[in-house]
Structures are given as structure tokens and as C-alpha cells.
Amino acid sequence: MTRAEFGGELRRRRLRQGLTLGQLAALVHYSRSHLSKIENGHKTPSVQLSRKCDAVLSAGGELHALAAEFSRPERDSGPGLLARENVYLQWNLHLRSDGSGAFEVGEVGTPTVTELPRSAAPSADTLPGLAALFEETKRLGRTSSPSLVLPMAITQAHVAISAAGQSAGRDQRHLLRHAARTAEFAGWMAQEGGDDRGSLWWTDHAVALSSAAGDDDMTSYALVRRAVVSLYRGDSSATTGPTEKVLNDGTIHPRIRWLAALGAAQGYAIGLDHTGAMRALETAAGLYEQAYRLEGGAHLGPSALHGRPLLIEAWCQYDLGNLAAAAALFERAMSRPLPSNRDHARFGTRRALVHAALGDPDRASELIGPLLDVVCSVDSATIRTDLRDFARTITRFRGHRGSHDIQSALMAALTKR
């Protein structure tokens, strides 16, 4: 499929609907000249535009599918850490399964600074202490860059595994279960850092640890986590397949099935399957009460559930091309502060993107401006995906004062540190 062939198909479907080029431009909030260049094969359609045209022209996903091959994953670039002084040294920590290891400073193979002895048998305070550290690490993960948090999670997972190796029976199972949840969190931080391969490795490792502990919840949740990775790659079928598998198993924990339903809704939405998305959201609504009731204690997935169903529904409506509905849902869902900086940055960026797509640069700039410092602090690859969409969308209003004022801060937030 070439650009010219896509443009011809877009023109054919537009004319079949009885729309002029100007009328279609108004419906999708793009300029008439931009659409003309696409129809004439002089410009490549973006994924966002193909979705909007597909929704407006009732193409059932076919038009969007034609444009999928033009989509190219973007790579973040940015300067590495400059070791300007001696405090910026390379550290190497080698950890063995029995807890022993070595700490080196400088290049690999330099003399060891500290030898780590083999782990002793854990005490009664080991698991509570590890749990307290993990809670603080998760709290930090809601406000800080994954590059700060991931090394802590990896080390904590290793310590828990080593302690489990020196235990037996119930204590061993509890330590392995804790290690599994720490490993799953490491996988999430890896994804937030832009490392999908590492994210999937840690998720699989969490499943192995959880299975050794006799806990099957992680196996089901891992399917949801894998689906989320596929979601950010724009792969609808690889998102809906695993989540539907979880949804169809009534023996799985309600919280995990609820998260699967929300994931499935998003998967159907990026595939422009309105019926599937609405059905999944309805299923999620039916599971919400059980998920909320079982929220306390150790759990998998987001720390807080409040407002999440509306936020996910709002984003589904955006992907389906229903911009006004998405904007209204975001206003309702974000009428009070979200529980973490990471959620605030993620959904706040999406809210601003919806208004930019609606052709309202004033509101979009007003919303995104105060968020950019937060986006920088959480340093999330997945949030930058949405922020890049915002940057591309707001460039349609180059002469607008508000979009010009945020340009410098926007470019800084888009750069991976």
C-alpha cells in the first residue's frame, strides 16, 4: 500500500459519504490543505489522523489498517550522564543466588571494594522490613524517574529471593510471593523507562517466583501486563487476546479481571471496535465493586482505583474518535486530584491532547503548561508517547500565543534524560 493508494481510498470513502474536503477537515480538526496533500499522495497520514478519518467515515477500522504500515516507532534520544567529577563513578554490583556478591568501582573486573557474604537465615522481622521498604519504593515510583527506582526494586527482589533460599515452608512461600510482586513492579518500572524487553523478562520472572510460592494470581496478571505492553505498541489483537482470556475465567481474582476488562476496552478502542470497547467497559463496571472491596492489603496493579474507570473510558472515546465525549469524561474524572504524580501526568497529558485535537489550543495549552514539570520528574516513556502526540497536534496552531509560550518546556519534557 502506497501513500497514493491510501489517499485514493480516503477520497473514495469521503465522496461516498457525500462530504467535501472542507467538511471532512472540519470533522477531523485538520486543515483542508493537509487532507488534500494526503489524498493526492504527497503526505503520509499519521496514525491519529487515520483513526479520526476512519471513525468519521464509518470505515470499520479498514482505513486505519491501511495506514498502519506508515507508522514508525520513535526512539527517544538524549545526552548521557557526564561524569564531570570523581563522584560520578561507575558502580558494579554482582549478586549470586545465595546472597553473596561483590561491589566494584570503575570498569568491570577492577578490584572489589566490598565483598558481600552469603545470606544468613532470615529473622521474623525480615519480611515486614522488606515490605516496608517496598512500600516506600512504590511511593517513590509514583513521583520519580524509573531510573532512580528500578535499581532499588531489582536489589529488593534479589534480597527477598536470597532470603527465601535460606527459609522453608510458610516463611519461604511468603518471601517468594513478596519477591514476585517486587519483580512485577520492576517490570513496570522497566516499561516506564522504555525497556519493553526488560519489562517482559521481569514479568515472566515474577510468574516463576509466584508459581514457586503456590500463588497463581501473578500468572493471570502477567497476561494483563503483557497486553499493556502491546497496547503501547498499538497492537489491538495482542492486547485484546490475553485480556479476554483472563476475563473468560471466572476463577481469577476480580481485581485482575477488572484490570483485564479495562485493558480489553483500550485494545478494542485502538482497533476502532466501538462495540467491543463498550462491551468491555460494561464488564469492567460490573467487576468494579468487587475489585474495590478487595482493594486493601497486598494487591496487583494500580495502588488506587478511584476515578480510573472514567479515565480509561475517556481515553477509549478519544481513540474511537469521539473527542467531545472524551473531553467531558476527562473533566468529570479529573475534577479532583489524582493519587499520584505519575497518574496526574499521564491522564493530564491525555486530557490536554483531547482539547488540542478538538481545535482548542487555548484550553490545551492551559492544561499542559503546569504539567510539564511533573512529566519531567516522573520521566515516563509511556507518558512521552502521548506527549509526542500532543506536540504533533499542537503544531497545527503555530501562530497561537499559548502554544508558542509552552514550546520550550514541551521540548524539554519530550527529551529522555
Protein backbone atom coordinates (compact mmCIF):
# COMPACT_ATOMS: atom_id res chain seq x y z
CA MET A 1 0.00 0.00 0.00
CA THR A 2 1.49 3.35 -1.09
CA ARG A 3 0.60 6.84 0.10
CA ALA A 4 -1.17 7.49 -3.20
CA GLU A 5 -3.29 4.36 -2.80
CA PHE A 6 -4.24 5.34 0.74
CA GLY A 7 -5.12 8.83 -0.43
CA GLY A 8 -7.28 7.42 -3.20
CA GLU A 9 -9.15 5.20 -0.75
CA LEU A 10 -9.68 8.15 1.60
CA ARG A 11 -11.11 10.23 -1.26
CA ARG A 12 -13.34 7.37 -2.39
CA ARG A 13 -14.83 6.90 1.07
CA ARG A 14 -15.23 10.65 1.59
CA LEU A 15 -17.13 11.08 -1.66
CA ARG A 16 -19.30 8.04 -0.89
CA GLN A 17 -20.34 9.81 2.32
CA GLY A 18 -21.16 12.96 0.32
CA LEU A 19 -18.57 15.08 2.13
CA THR A 20 -16.47 17.85 0.66
CA LEU A 21 -12.81 18.05 1.61
CA GLY A 22 -13.58 21.09 3.77
CA GLN A 23 -16.39 19.27 5.59
CA LEU A 24 -14.14 16.31 6.37
CA ALA A 25 -11.40 18.69 7.54
CA ALA A 26 -13.83 20.31 9.99
CA LEU A 27 -14.94 16.92 11.33
CA VAL A 28 -11.43 15.62 11.99
CA HIS A 29 -9.98 19.01 13.04
CA TYR A 30 -7.25 19.06 10.39
CA SER A 31 -6.73 21.68 7.68
CA ARG A 32 -8.23 21.26 4.22
CA SER A 33 -4.78 21.66 2.63
CA HIS A 34 -3.31 18.91 4.84
CA LEU A 35 -6.06 16.48 3.82
CA SER A 36 -5.65 17.47 0.18
CA LYS A 37 -1.95 16.55 0.31
CA ILE A 38 -2.81 13.17 1.82
CA GLU A 39 -5.49 12.43 -0.76
CA ASN A 40 -3.03 13.32 -3.52
CA GLY A 41 -0.31 11.08 -2.04
CA HIS A 42 2.02 13.97 -1.21
CA LYS A 43 1.90 13.47 2.55
CA THR A 44 1.92 10.44 4.86
CA PRO A 45 -1.15 10.03 7.12
CA SER A 46 -0.46 9.88 10.85
CA VAL A 47 -1.96 7.11 12.97
CA GLN A 48 -4.08 9.70 14.79
CA LEU A 49 -5.49 11.15 11.57
CA SER A 50 -6.22 7.74 10.07
CA ARG A 51 -8.19 6.82 13.20
CA LYS A 52 -10.23 10.02 13.04
CA CYS A 53 -10.96 9.65 9.34
CA ASP A 54 -11.90 6.00 9.86
CA ALA A 55 -14.34 6.92 12.65
CA VAL A 56 -15.91 9.84 10.75
CA LEU A 57 -16.24 7.84 7.52
CA SER A 58 -17.55 4.71 9.31
CA ALA A 59 -14.81 2.59 7.74
CA GLY A 60 -14.93 -0.05 10.50
CA GLY A 61 -11.16 0.02 11.03
CA GLU A 62 -10.29 -0.71 7.39
CA LEU A 63 -9.00 2.78 6.60
CA HIS A 64 -6.92 2.88 9.77
CA ALA A 65 -5.46 -0.55 8.98
CA LEU A 66 -4.25 0.73 5.58
CA ALA A 67 -2.25 3.46 7.30
CA ALA A 68 -0.71 1.19 9.94
CA GLU A 69 2.30 0.40 7.77
CA PHE A 70 3.24 4.07 7.67
CA SER A 71 3.59 4.17 11.45
CA ARG A 72 7.15 4.02 12.67
CA PRO A 73 8.14 3.71 16.34
CA GLU A 74 10.02 6.75 17.55
CA ARG A 75 13.16 6.49 19.58
CA ASP A 76 13.95 8.81 22.42
CA SER A 77 17.33 10.44 22.36
CA GLY A 78 19.18 12.49 24.87
CA PRO A 79 22.59 13.12 26.39
CA GLY A 80 24.04 10.51 28.70
CA LEU A 81 25.30 11.21 32.18
CA LEU A 82 28.51 13.27 32.06
CA ALA A 83 30.95 12.19 34.72
CA ARG A 84 32.46 15.61 35.36
CA GLU A 85 33.80 14.82 38.82
CA ASN A 86 35.09 11.81 40.71
CA VAL A 87 31.76 11.36 42.49
CA TYR A 88 30.28 10.17 39.19
CA LEU A 89 31.88 6.75 39.14
CA GLN A 90 30.67 3.55 37.55
CA TRP A 91 29.46 1.06 40.16
CA ASN A 92 29.19 -2.68 39.51
CA LEU A 93 27.26 -4.94 41.86
CA HIS A 94 27.47 -8.70 41.27
CA LEU A 95 24.82 -10.71 43.12
CA ARG A 96 24.68 -14.51 43.46
CA SER A 97 21.70 -16.69 44.27
CA ASP A 98 22.93 -17.40 47.81
CA GLY A 99 23.04 -13.66 48.61
CA SER A 100 26.80 -13.31 48.30
CA GLY A 101 28.37 -10.93 45.84
CA ALA A 102 30.91 -8.22 45.18
CA PHE A 103 30.83 -4.44 44.80
CA GLU A 104 33.30 -2.84 42.38
CA VAL A 105 34.01 0.75 41.41
CA GLY A 106 35.14 1.57 37.88
CA GLU A 107 35.30 -0.70 34.87
CA VAL A 108 34.20 -4.33 35.12
CA GLY A 109 36.95 -6.50 36.58
CA THR A 110 38.52 -3.82 38.78
CA PRO A 111 39.45 -4.78 42.35
CA THR A 112 36.50 -5.44 44.65
CA VAL A 113 35.70 -2.72 47.16
CA THR A 114 33.26 -4.75 49.27
CA GLU A 115 32.65 -8.48 49.47
CA LEU A 116 29.07 -9.46 50.29
CA PRO A 117 28.77 -12.58 52.47
CA ARG A 118 26.27 -15.33 51.92
CA SER A 119 22.80 -14.60 53.32
CA ALA A 120 22.07 -15.82 56.83
CA ALA A 121 18.75 -17.37 57.76
CA PRO A 122 16.10 -14.60 57.83
CA SER A 123 14.58 -13.45 61.11
CA ALA A 124 10.94 -12.77 61.93
CA ASP A 125 11.50 -9.12 61.00
CA THR A 126 12.85 -9.80 57.51
CA LEU A 127 9.59 -9.88 55.58
CA PRO A 128 7.97 -6.91 57.40
CA GLY A 129 11.15 -4.93 56.82
CA LEU A 130 11.24 -5.82 53.12
CA ALA A 131 7.55 -4.99 52.81
CA ALA A 132 8.08 -1.56 54.39
CA LEU A 133 10.99 -0.84 52.02
CA PHE A 134 8.88 -1.96 49.06
CA GLU A 135 6.01 0.34 50.00
CA GLU A 136 8.39 3.29 50.12
CA THR A 137 9.90 2.26 46.79
CA LYS A 138 6.45 2.10 45.20
CA ARG A 139 5.64 5.51 46.65
CA LEU A 140 8.82 6.87 45.09
CA GLY A 141 7.84 5.21 41.83
CA ARG A 142 4.70 7.34 41.75
CA THR A 143 6.73 10.55 41.82
CA SER A 144 10.19 9.89 40.38
CA SER A 145 12.05 8.65 37.32
CA PRO A 146 12.18 4.86 36.82
CA SER A 147 15.95 5.20 36.51
CA LEU A 148 16.01 6.05 40.22
CA VAL A 149 13.53 3.41 41.31
CA LEU A 150 14.36 0.37 39.17
CA PRO A 151 17.77 -0.39 40.79
CA MET A 152 16.08 -0.41 44.20
CA ALA A 153 13.37 -2.79 43.04
CA ILE A 154 15.89 -5.16 41.43
CA THR A 155 18.02 -5.28 44.57
CA GLN A 156 14.99 -5.81 46.82
CA ALA A 157 13.77 -8.66 44.63
CA HIS A 158 17.19 -10.32 44.83
CA VAL A 159 17.34 -9.94 48.63
CA ALA A 160 13.87 -11.49 49.00
CA ILE A 161 14.81 -14.41 46.73
CA SER A 162 18.06 -14.99 48.65
CA ALA A 163 16.19 -14.89 51.96
CA ALA A 164 13.65 -17.39 50.61
CA GLY A 165 16.52 -19.71 49.71
CA GLN A 166 17.50 -19.79 53.38
CA SER A 167 13.92 -20.45 54.55
CA ALA A 168 11.39 -23.24 54.36
CA GLY A 169 7.66 -23.86 54.49
CA ARG A 170 5.30 -20.95 55.06
CA ASP A 171 8.09 -18.38 55.52
CA GLN A 172 9.65 -19.36 52.21
CA ARG A 173 6.32 -19.10 50.36
CA HIS A 174 5.67 -15.62 51.78
CA LEU A 175 9.14 -14.40 50.84
CA LEU A 176 8.79 -15.78 47.31
CA ARG A 177 5.38 -14.14 46.97
CA HIS A 178 6.89 -10.84 48.07
CA ALA A 179 9.77 -11.31 45.62
CA ALA A 180 7.24 -11.94 42.83
CA ARG A 181 5.44 -8.66 43.50
CA THR A 182 8.73 -6.80 43.66
CA ALA A 183 9.79 -8.34 40.35
CA GLU A 184 6.46 -7.38 38.77
CA PHE A 185 6.97 -3.80 39.95
CA ALA A 186 10.47 -3.88 38.42
CA GLY A 187 8.85 -4.90 35.15
CA TRP A 188 6.51 -1.92 35.30
CA MET A 189 9.41 0.45 36.03
CA ALA A 190 11.33 -1.07 33.10
CA GLN A 191 8.39 -0.34 30.80
CA GLU A 192 8.14 3.20 32.13
CA GLY A 193 11.84 3.53 31.32
CA GLY A 194 11.18 2.50 27.71
CA ASP A 195 12.55 -1.06 28.00
CA ASP A 196 9.76 -3.39 26.82
CA ARG A 197 12.07 -6.40 26.58
CA GLY A 198 13.22 -5.95 30.16
CA SER A 199 9.64 -5.39 31.26
CA LEU A 200 8.54 -8.73 29.83
CA TRP A 201 11.56 -10.53 31.34
CA TRP A 202 10.75 -9.25 34.83
CA THR A 203 7.08 -10.12 34.38
CA ASP A 204 7.97 -13.69 33.41
CA HIS A 205 10.36 -13.90 36.37
CA ALA A 206 7.55 -12.72 38.65
CA VAL A 207 5.36 -15.55 37.33
CA ALA A 208 8.08 -18.12 38.07
CA LEU A 209 8.53 -16.82 41.61
CA SER A 210 4.80 -16.69 42.21
CA SER A 211 4.35 -20.25 40.93
CA ALA A 212 7.09 -21.44 43.30
CA ALA A 213 5.13 -19.79 46.12
CA GLY A 214 1.90 -21.55 45.09
CA ASP A 215 0.22 -18.28 44.09
CA ASP A 216 -1.48 -18.37 40.67
CA ASP A 217 -2.70 -14.75 40.64
CA MET A 218 0.53 -13.49 39.13
CA THR A 219 0.22 -15.85 36.16
CA SER A 220 -3.13 -14.29 35.26
CA TYR A 221 -1.95 -10.76 35.94
CA ALA A 222 1.11 -11.33 33.73
CA LEU A 223 -1.24 -11.70 30.77
CA VAL A 224 -2.67 -8.27 31.56
CA ARG A 225 0.82 -6.78 31.86
CA ARG A 226 1.84 -8.26 28.50
CA ALA A 227 -1.32 -6.82 26.98
CA VAL A 228 -0.38 -3.35 28.27
CA VAL A 229 2.99 -3.59 26.52
CA SER A 230 1.16 -4.49 23.28
CA LEU A 231 -1.27 -1.62 23.83
CA TYR A 232 1.53 0.94 23.78
CA ARG A 233 2.82 -0.67 20.60
CA GLY A 234 -0.57 -0.06 19.01
CA ASP A 235 -1.31 -3.78 18.56
CA SER A 236 -5.04 -4.26 19.10
CA SER A 237 -5.28 -8.04 18.75
CA ALA A 238 -2.26 -8.69 21.01
CA THR A 239 -3.98 -6.52 23.62
CA THR A 240 -7.47 -7.98 23.45
CA GLY A 241 -6.41 -11.64 23.15
CA PRO A 242 -4.74 -12.02 26.58
CA THR A 243 -7.21 -9.77 28.37
CA GLU A 244 -10.22 -11.66 27.02
CA LYS A 245 -8.60 -14.91 28.15
CA VAL A 246 -8.45 -13.53 31.70
CA LEU A 247 -11.99 -12.16 31.51
CA ASN A 248 -13.43 -15.50 30.46
CA ASP A 249 -12.01 -17.29 33.51
CA GLY A 250 -14.37 -16.73 36.44
CA THR A 251 -11.93 -18.33 38.89
CA ILE A 252 -9.44 -15.44 38.54
CA HIS A 253 -9.34 -12.73 41.22
CA PRO A 254 -11.95 -9.99 40.50
CA ARG A 255 -9.35 -7.21 40.68
CA ILE A 256 -7.28 -8.86 37.93
CA ARG A 257 -10.37 -9.48 35.78
CA TRP A 258 -11.38 -5.84 36.27
CA LEU A 259 -7.96 -4.64 35.10
CA ALA A 260 -8.21 -7.07 32.17
CA ALA A 261 -11.59 -5.61 31.19
CA LEU A 262 -10.16 -2.07 31.17
CA GLY A 263 -7.21 -3.28 29.11
CA ALA A 264 -9.50 -5.05 26.67
CA ALA A 265 -11.57 -1.87 26.25
CA GLN A 266 -8.45 0.08 25.31
CA GLY A 267 -7.35 -2.68 22.94
CA TYR A 268 -10.68 -2.65 21.12
CA ALA A 269 -10.62 1.16 21.02
CA ILE A 270 -7.26 1.36 19.24
CA GLY A 271 -8.66 -1.18 16.78
CA LEU A 272 -11.69 1.11 16.28
CA ASP A 273 -14.07 -1.59 17.50
CA HIS A 274 -16.69 0.53 19.26
CA THR A 275 -18.90 -2.42 20.17
CA GLY A 276 -16.06 -4.40 21.70
CA ALA A 277 -14.78 -1.40 23.67
CA MET A 278 -18.20 -0.57 25.12
CA ARG A 279 -18.83 -4.21 26.00
CA ALA A 280 -15.51 -4.44 27.84
CA LEU A 281 -16.21 -1.19 29.73
CA GLU A 282 -19.60 -2.55 30.76
CA THR A 283 -17.93 -5.74 32.02
CA ALA A 284 -15.41 -3.63 33.96
CA ALA A 285 -18.25 -1.68 35.58
CA GLY A 286 -19.79 -4.96 36.76
CA LEU A 287 -16.49 -6.04 38.33
CA TYR A 288 -15.61 -2.70 39.90
CA GLU A 289 -17.46 -3.16 43.18
CA GLN A 290 -15.73 -6.48 43.87
CA ALA A 291 -12.34 -5.04 42.88
CA TYR A 292 -12.85 -2.02 45.14
CA ARG A 293 -14.00 -4.15 48.08
CA LEU A 294 -10.85 -6.27 47.81
CA GLU A 295 -8.51 -3.28 47.38
CA GLY A 296 -6.84 -3.47 50.81
CA GLY A 297 -3.66 -5.39 51.56
CA ALA A 298 -1.11 -6.65 49.05
CA HIS A 299 -2.52 -6.35 45.56
CA LEU A 300 -1.51 -6.27 41.92
CA GLY A 301 -1.95 -3.33 39.63
CA PRO A 302 -2.60 0.36 40.40
CA SER A 303 -2.40 1.45 44.04
CA ALA A 304 -5.66 3.39 43.86
CA LEU A 305 -8.80 2.67 41.88
CA HIS A 306 -10.71 5.94 42.31
CA GLY A 307 -11.55 7.59 39.00
CA ARG A 308 -9.71 5.05 36.86
CA PRO A 309 -12.79 3.64 35.07
CA LEU A 310 -13.80 7.11 33.85
CA LEU A 311 -10.24 7.94 32.82
CA ILE A 312 -9.94 4.74 30.79
CA GLU A 313 -13.36 5.31 29.22
CA ALA A 314 -12.31 8.84 28.28
CA TRP A 315 -9.20 7.56 26.53
CA CYS A 316 -11.19 4.88 24.73
CA GLN A 317 -13.53 7.56 23.41
CA TYR A 318 -10.52 9.52 22.15
CA ASP A 319 -9.13 6.51 20.30
CA LEU A 320 -12.57 5.84 18.84
CA GLY A 321 -12.69 9.42 17.51
CA ASN A 322 -15.39 10.67 19.90
CA LEU A 323 -13.48 13.76 21.03
CA ALA A 324 -16.30 15.71 22.68
CA ALA A 325 -17.32 12.68 24.75
CA ALA A 326 -13.67 12.14 25.74
CA ALA A 327 -13.30 15.76 26.86
CA ALA A 328 -16.45 15.59 29.00
CA LEU A 329 -15.34 12.36 30.68
CA PHE A 330 -11.90 13.77 31.46
CA GLU A 331 -13.49 16.83 33.06
CA ARG A 332 -15.55 14.59 35.34
CA ALA A 333 -12.73 12.19 36.19
CA MET A 334 -10.20 14.92 36.96
CA SER A 335 -12.48 17.18 38.98
CA ARG A 336 -10.35 16.27 41.99
CA PRO A 337 -6.61 15.48 42.23
CA LEU A 338 -5.36 12.06 41.17
CA PRO A 339 -3.49 9.97 43.77
CA SER A 340 -0.01 10.10 42.21
CA ASN A 341 2.18 12.39 40.13
CA ARG A 342 2.55 9.65 37.52
CA ASP A 343 -1.23 9.32 37.06
CA HIS A 344 -1.61 13.11 37.12
CA ALA A 345 0.99 13.47 34.35
CA ARG A 346 -0.39 10.57 32.29
CA PHE A 347 -4.06 11.44 32.28
CA GLY A 348 -3.47 15.18 32.38
CA THR A 349 -1.45 14.92 29.18
CA ARG A 350 -4.20 12.90 27.55
CA ARG A 351 -6.80 15.42 28.66
CA ALA A 352 -4.78 18.26 27.07
CA LEU A 353 -4.32 16.19 23.89
CA VAL A 354 -8.09 15.77 23.55
CA HIS A 355 -8.61 19.55 23.66
CA ALA A 356 -5.82 20.09 21.14
CA ALA A 357 -7.46 17.54 18.83
CA LEU A 358 -10.78 19.38 19.29
CA GLY A 359 -9.17 22.52 17.88
CA ASP A 360 -9.00 24.38 21.20
CA PRO A 361 -5.33 25.42 21.62
CA ASP A 362 -6.18 27.83 24.45
CA ARG A 363 -7.55 25.10 26.71
CA ALA A 364 -4.91 22.59 25.59
CA SER A 365 -2.04 24.97 26.42
CA GLU A 366 -3.67 25.96 29.70
CA LEU A 367 -3.86 22.30 30.75
CA ILE A 368 -0.44 21.11 29.57
CA GLY A 369 1.65 24.04 30.84
CA PRO A 370 1.53 23.24 34.59
CA LEU A 371 2.01 19.52 33.86
CA LEU A 372 5.33 19.67 32.05
CA ASP A 373 7.49 19.85 35.18
CA VAL A 374 5.65 16.81 36.54
CA VAL A 375 6.15 14.95 33.26
CA CYS A 376 9.89 15.66 33.51
CA SER A 377 10.08 14.44 37.10
CA VAL A 378 8.35 11.10 36.50
CA ASP A 379 10.37 10.62 33.28
CA SER A 380 7.99 8.07 31.74
CA ALA A 381 8.44 6.62 28.26
CA THR A 382 4.73 5.76 28.05
CA ILE A 383 3.67 9.29 29.00
CA ARG A 384 6.08 10.73 26.44
CA THR A 385 4.24 8.68 23.80
CA ASP A 386 1.09 10.71 24.47
CA LEU A 387 3.10 13.93 24.84
CA ARG A 388 4.60 13.43 21.37
CA ASP A 389 1.05 13.11 20.00
CA PHE A 390 0.20 16.36 21.78
CA ALA A 391 3.26 18.11 20.32
CA ARG A 392 2.35 16.98 16.80
CA THR A 393 -1.25 18.08 17.25
CA ILE A 394 -0.48 21.50 18.73
CA THR A 395 1.85 22.34 15.81
CA ARG A 396 -1.30 22.93 13.75
CA PHE A 397 -1.64 26.17 15.72
CA ARG A 398 1.83 27.59 15.12
CA GLY A 399 0.65 31.19 15.28
CA HIS A 400 -1.20 30.70 18.54
CA ARG A 401 0.29 32.59 21.51
CA GLY A 402 -0.44 29.91 24.11
CA SER A 403 1.16 27.07 22.13
CA HIS A 404 4.20 29.26 21.45
CA ASP A 405 4.64 30.02 25.16
CA ILE A 406 4.86 26.34 26.13
CA GLN A 407 7.10 25.26 23.25
CA SER A 408 10.41 25.35 25.14
CA ALA A 409 9.09 23.47 28.19
CA LEU A 410 7.33 21.00 25.90
CA MET A 411 10.55 20.16 24.06
CA ALA A 412 12.38 19.70 27.39
CA ALA A 413 9.69 17.29 28.62
CA LEU A 414 9.92 15.27 25.41
CA THR A 415 13.66 14.64 25.86
CA LYS A 416 14.59 11.46 27.71
CA ARG A 417 17.07 12.30 30.44
